[in-house]
C-alpha atoms as a PDB file:
ATOM      1  CA  MET A   1      -4.063 -33.300   1.365  1.00  0.00           C
ATOM      2  CA  SER A   2      -2.224 -35.885  -0.676  1.00  0.00           C
ATOM      3  CA  ILE A   3      -3.170 -37.948  -3.704  1.00  0.00           C
ATOM      4  CA  GLU A   4      -2.539 -41.673  -3.526  1.00  0.00           C
ATOM      5  CA  LYS A   5      -3.840 -42.670  -6.956  1.00  0.00           C
ATOM      6  CA  ILE A   6      -5.421 -40.939  -9.913  1.00  0.00           C
ATOM      7  CA  ASN A   7      -6.651 -42.176 -13.269  1.00  0.00           C
ATOM      8  CA  ALA A   8      -5.155 -39.328 -15.322  1.00  0.00           C
ATOM      9  CA  ARG A   9      -2.101 -40.777 -17.049  1.00  0.00           C
ATOM     10  CA  ASN A  10      -0.816 -37.532 -18.526  1.00  0.00           C
ATOM     11  CA  GLN A  11       0.885 -35.922 -15.565  1.00  0.00           C
ATOM     12  CA  PHE A  12       3.458 -33.155 -15.814  1.00  0.00           C
ATOM     13  CA  LYS A  13       5.368 -32.065 -12.716  1.00  0.00           C
ATOM     14  CA  GLY A  14       6.611 -28.498 -12.759  1.00  0.00           C
ATOM     15  CA  LYS A  15       6.700 -25.080 -11.170  1.00  0.00           C
ATOM     16  CA  ILE A  16       4.314 -22.193 -11.692  1.00  0.00           C
ATOM     17  CA  SER A  17       6.021 -19.516 -13.783  1.00  0.00           C
ATOM     18  CA  ASN A  18       3.185 -17.042 -14.301  1.00  0.00           C
ATOM     19  CA  ILE A  19      -0.348 -16.336 -13.099  1.00  0.00           C
ATOM     20  CA  ILE A  20      -2.766 -13.969 -14.801  1.00  0.00           C
ATOM     21  CA  LEU A  21      -5.626 -13.342 -12.390  1.00  0.00           C
ATOM     22  CA  GLY A  22      -9.071 -12.554 -13.758  1.00  0.00           C
ATOM     23  CA  ASP A  23     -12.328 -11.772 -12.009  1.00  0.00           C
ATOM     24  CA  VAL A  24     -13.637 -15.329 -12.430  1.00  0.00           C
ATOM     25  CA  LEU A  25     -11.026 -17.317 -14.381  1.00  0.00           C
ATOM     26  CA  SER A  26      -7.241 -17.212 -14.211  1.00  0.00           C
ATOM     27  CA  GLU A  27      -4.429 -18.518 -16.428  1.00  0.00           C
ATOM     28  CA  VAL A  28      -1.659 -20.458 -14.685  1.00  0.00           C
ATOM     29  CA  ASP A  29       1.549 -21.285 -16.587  1.00  0.00           C
ATOM     30  CA  VAL A  30       3.508 -24.319 -15.389  1.00  0.00           C
ATOM     31  CA  ASP A  31       7.073 -24.894 -16.595  1.00  0.00           C
ATOM     32  CA  THR A  32       7.686 -28.625 -17.060  1.00  0.00           C
ATOM     33  CA  PRO A  33      10.624 -30.559 -18.550  1.00  0.00           C
ATOM     34  CA  GLY A  34       8.557 -30.927 -21.746  1.00  0.00           C
ATOM     35  CA  GLY A  35       7.607 -27.263 -22.036  1.00  0.00           C
ATOM     36  CA  THR A  36       5.044 -24.888 -20.617  1.00  0.00           C
ATOM     37  CA  VAL A  37       1.533 -26.100 -19.772  1.00  0.00           C
ATOM     38  CA  THR A  38      -1.163 -23.441 -19.343  1.00  0.00           C
ATOM     39  CA  SER A  39      -4.219 -24.154 -17.240  1.00  0.00           C
ATOM     40  CA  VAL A  40      -7.342 -22.023 -17.050  1.00  0.00           C
ATOM     41  CA  ILE A  41      -8.899 -22.474 -13.618  1.00  0.00           C
ATOM     42  CA  THR A  42     -11.184 -20.446 -11.412  1.00  0.00           C
ATOM     43  CA  THR A  43      -9.619 -17.550  -9.559  1.00  0.00           C
ATOM     44  CA  ARG A  44     -11.217 -18.993  -6.435  1.00  0.00           C
ATOM     45  CA  SER A  45      -9.182 -22.193  -6.932  1.00  0.00           C
ATOM     46  CA  VAL A  46      -5.971 -20.173  -7.323  1.00  0.00           C
ATOM     47  CA  LYS A  47      -6.685 -18.556  -3.964  1.00  0.00           C
ATOM     48  CA  ASP A  48      -7.930 -21.729  -2.222  1.00  0.00           C
ATOM     49  CA  LEU A  49      -4.829 -23.677  -3.349  1.00  0.00           C
ATOM     50  CA  GLU A  50      -2.622 -20.699  -2.446  1.00  0.00           C
ATOM     51  CA  LEU A  51      -0.932 -20.901  -5.835  1.00  0.00           C
ATOM     52  CA  GLN A  52       1.890 -18.488  -6.545  1.00  0.00           C
ATOM     53  CA  ILE A  53       4.915 -18.228  -8.790  1.00  0.00           C
ATOM     54  CA  GLY A  54       7.408 -20.925  -7.792  1.00  0.00           C
ATOM     55  CA  THR A  55       4.827 -23.315  -6.343  1.00  0.00           C
ATOM     56  CA  GLU A  56       5.505 -26.932  -7.349  1.00  0.00           C
ATOM     57  CA  VAL A  57       2.452 -28.572  -8.895  1.00  0.00           C
ATOM     58  CA  VAL A  58       1.421 -31.497 -11.052  1.00  0.00           C
ATOM     59  CA  ALA A  59      -0.574 -30.662 -14.176  1.00  0.00           C
ATOM     60  CA  LEU A  60      -3.082 -33.452 -14.810  1.00  0.00           C
ATOM     61  CA  VAL A  61      -4.356 -33.640 -18.396  1.00  0.00           C
ATOM     62  CA  LYS A  62      -7.375 -35.718 -19.307  1.00  0.00           C
ATOM     63  CA  ALA A  63      -9.005 -34.990 -22.629  1.00  0.00           C
ATOM     64  CA  THR A  64     -11.618 -36.725 -24.696  1.00  0.00           C
ATOM     65  CA  GLU A  65     -10.646 -34.820 -27.827  1.00  0.00           C
ATOM     66  CA  VAL A  66      -7.410 -33.580 -29.317  1.00  0.00           C
ATOM     67  CA  SER A  67      -7.625 -31.472 -32.471  1.00  0.00           C
ATOM     68  CA  LEU A  68      -4.826 -31.180 -35.024  1.00  0.00           C
ATOM     69  CA  ALA A  69      -4.202 -28.642 -37.767  1.00  0.00           C
ATOM     70  CA  LYS A  70      -1.850 -29.202 -40.692  1.00  0.00           C
ATOM     71  CA  LEU A  71       0.961 -26.669 -40.944  1.00  0.00           C
ATOM     72  CA  LEU A  72       1.745 -25.121 -44.301  1.00  0.00           C
END
């Protein structure tokens, strides 16, 4: 499968550095040039996509809300 076009503008190419598998949800850390992006996806998706440490992926970020907190 390949992606020709996508409407998500925030795309971060990187490699998976860590996976914490849960019963239903899993955390996947992706090292990118800008830092680490963590995605929480279903464990089923981790298995279906055959994700493992070292796999090259693109993290697609599309959010309708971004919250900020002032640092002291």
